[in-house]
């Protein structure tokens, strides 16, 4: 495995592992395979983080009277949101905006990187 791929998987695991609303504490074999496919497709970690933040925000903003959603059991849960994010126009600062909004409501371990 290349060091780029290993680093990507490690950072993705850290992002995914710190999400709330998850049932599993570890990556499953299927999740590892899917993470490798995302790497092969060239899906950036920023795109994944945006998808994670959007999903958590949407789940957190639901009507408290609504029935509880089941726990997230797989990285596959995020695939539709990842596809949605890939269709968004490039908006500089969007990830930083979501991080700031998320910090007010939910703590997600992020890696702030200089770009």
Protein backbone atom coordinates (compact mmCIF):
# COMPACT_ATOMS: atom_id res chain seq x y z
CA UNK A 1 0.00 0.00 0.00
CA UNK A 2 1.39 3.41 -0.93
CA UNK A 3 2.14 5.87 1.84
CA UNK A 4 -0.35 8.35 0.30
CA UNK A 5 -3.11 5.75 0.44
CA UNK A 6 -2.18 4.68 3.98
CA UNK A 7 -2.12 8.31 5.14
CA UNK A 8 -5.51 8.95 3.48
CA UNK A 9 -7.05 5.90 5.15
CA UNK A 10 -5.58 6.85 8.53
CA UNK A 11 -6.91 10.41 8.32
CA UNK A 12 -10.31 9.22 7.07
CA UNK A 13 -10.51 6.73 9.92
CA UNK A 14 -9.76 9.52 12.39
CA UNK A 15 -12.51 11.72 10.92
CA UNK A 16 -15.05 8.91 10.75
CA UNK A 17 -14.11 7.49 14.13
CA UNK A 18 -14.89 10.72 15.92
CA UNK A 19 -18.36 11.19 14.50
CA UNK A 20 -21.39 11.13 16.76
CA UNK A 21 -24.45 9.04 15.85
CA UNK A 22 -22.27 6.02 14.98
CA UNK A 23 -22.93 2.51 16.17
CA UNK A 24 -19.54 1.03 15.28
CA UNK A 25 -16.38 2.24 16.93
CA UNK A 26 -14.14 0.75 14.25
CA UNK A 27 -13.91 0.56 10.50
CA UNK A 28 -15.38 -2.66 9.19
CA UNK A 29 -13.73 -4.57 6.36
CA UNK A 30 -16.40 -3.15 4.07
CA UNK A 31 -15.68 0.39 5.30
CA UNK A 32 -11.96 -0.09 4.64
CA UNK A 33 -12.70 -1.29 1.13
CA UNK A 34 -15.03 1.67 0.53
CA UNK A 35 -12.42 4.10 1.89
CA UNK A 36 -9.91 2.66 -0.58
CA UNK A 37 -12.41 3.15 -3.40
CA UNK A 38 -12.90 6.77 -2.36
CA UNK A 39 -9.12 7.24 -2.45
CA UNK A 40 -8.96 5.60 -5.90
CA UNK A 41 -11.70 7.95 -7.14
CA UNK A 42 -9.69 10.92 -5.90
CA UNK A 43 -12.30 12.07 -3.37
CA UNK A 44 -10.47 14.55 -1.17
CA UNK A 45 -10.47 14.41 2.59
CA UNK A 46 -11.94 17.92 2.58
CA UNK A 47 -14.89 16.63 0.53
CA UNK A 48 -15.37 13.78 2.99
CA UNK A 49 -15.18 16.10 5.96
CA UNK A 50 -17.79 18.40 4.39
CA UNK A 51 -20.07 15.40 3.84
CA UNK A 52 -19.58 14.23 7.44
CA UNK A 53 -20.25 17.71 8.83
CA UNK A 54 -23.37 18.14 6.70
CA UNK A 55 -24.73 14.74 7.73
CA UNK A 56 -24.14 15.39 11.42
CA UNK A 57 -25.65 18.88 11.15
CA UNK A 58 -28.74 17.54 9.41
CA UNK A 59 -29.18 14.80 11.99
CA UNK A 60 -28.65 17.25 14.85
CA UNK A 61 -31.13 19.79 13.50
CA UNK A 62 -34.05 17.37 13.30
CA UNK A 63 -37.22 18.07 15.19
CA UNK A 64 -36.66 16.76 18.73
CA UNK A 65 -40.21 15.40 18.66
CA UNK A 66 -39.42 13.23 15.62
CA UNK A 67 -38.56 9.58 16.17
CA UNK A 68 -34.88 8.99 16.75
CA UNK A 69 -32.82 8.01 13.74
CA UNK A 70 -30.92 4.74 13.88
CA UNK A 71 -27.19 4.91 14.49
CA UNK A 72 -24.87 5.22 11.51
CA UNK A 73 -23.48 1.74 10.92
CA UNK A 74 -21.28 2.22 7.89
CA UNK A 75 -19.25 4.69 5.90
CA UNK A 76 -21.70 3.87 3.08
CA UNK A 77 -24.29 6.02 4.90
CA UNK A 78 -22.39 9.06 3.66
CA UNK A 79 -22.19 8.08 -0.03
CA UNK A 80 -25.24 10.11 -1.16
CA UNK A 81 -23.97 13.15 0.74
CA UNK A 82 -20.47 12.70 -0.71
CA UNK A 83 -22.01 12.67 -4.20
CA UNK A 84 -24.01 15.79 -3.30
CA UNK A 85 -20.87 17.57 -2.11
CA UNK A 86 -19.01 16.60 -5.28
CA UNK A 87 -21.70 18.43 -7.25
CA UNK A 88 -21.36 21.65 -5.26
CA UNK A 89 -19.48 24.53 -6.86
CA UNK A 90 -16.08 25.15 -5.30
CA UNK A 91 -16.67 27.60 -2.47
CA UNK A 92 -13.51 28.74 -0.73
CA UNK A 93 -13.99 28.81 3.00
CA UNK A 94 -17.01 26.47 3.03
CA UNK A 95 -15.22 23.78 5.04
CA UNK A 96 -14.01 26.36 7.57
CA UNK A 97 -17.59 27.68 7.82
CA UNK A 98 -18.96 24.19 8.49
CA UNK A 99 -16.24 23.50 11.03
CA UNK A 100 -17.09 26.70 12.89
CA UNK A 101 -20.80 25.86 12.84
CA UNK A 102 -20.09 22.30 13.93
CA UNK A 103 -17.92 23.40 16.82
CA UNK A 104 -20.94 25.21 18.26
CA UNK A 105 -23.04 22.05 18.23
CA UNK A 106 -20.95 18.92 17.81
CA UNK A 107 -17.30 18.12 18.28
CA UNK A 108 -15.79 16.29 15.33
CA UNK A 109 -12.03 15.75 15.28
CA UNK A 110 -10.72 17.69 12.32
CA UNK A 111 -7.30 18.23 10.94
CA UNK A 112 -6.86 21.89 10.21
CA UNK A 113 -4.47 22.09 7.36
CA UNK A 114 -2.88 25.08 5.70
CA UNK A 115 -3.84 25.23 2.09
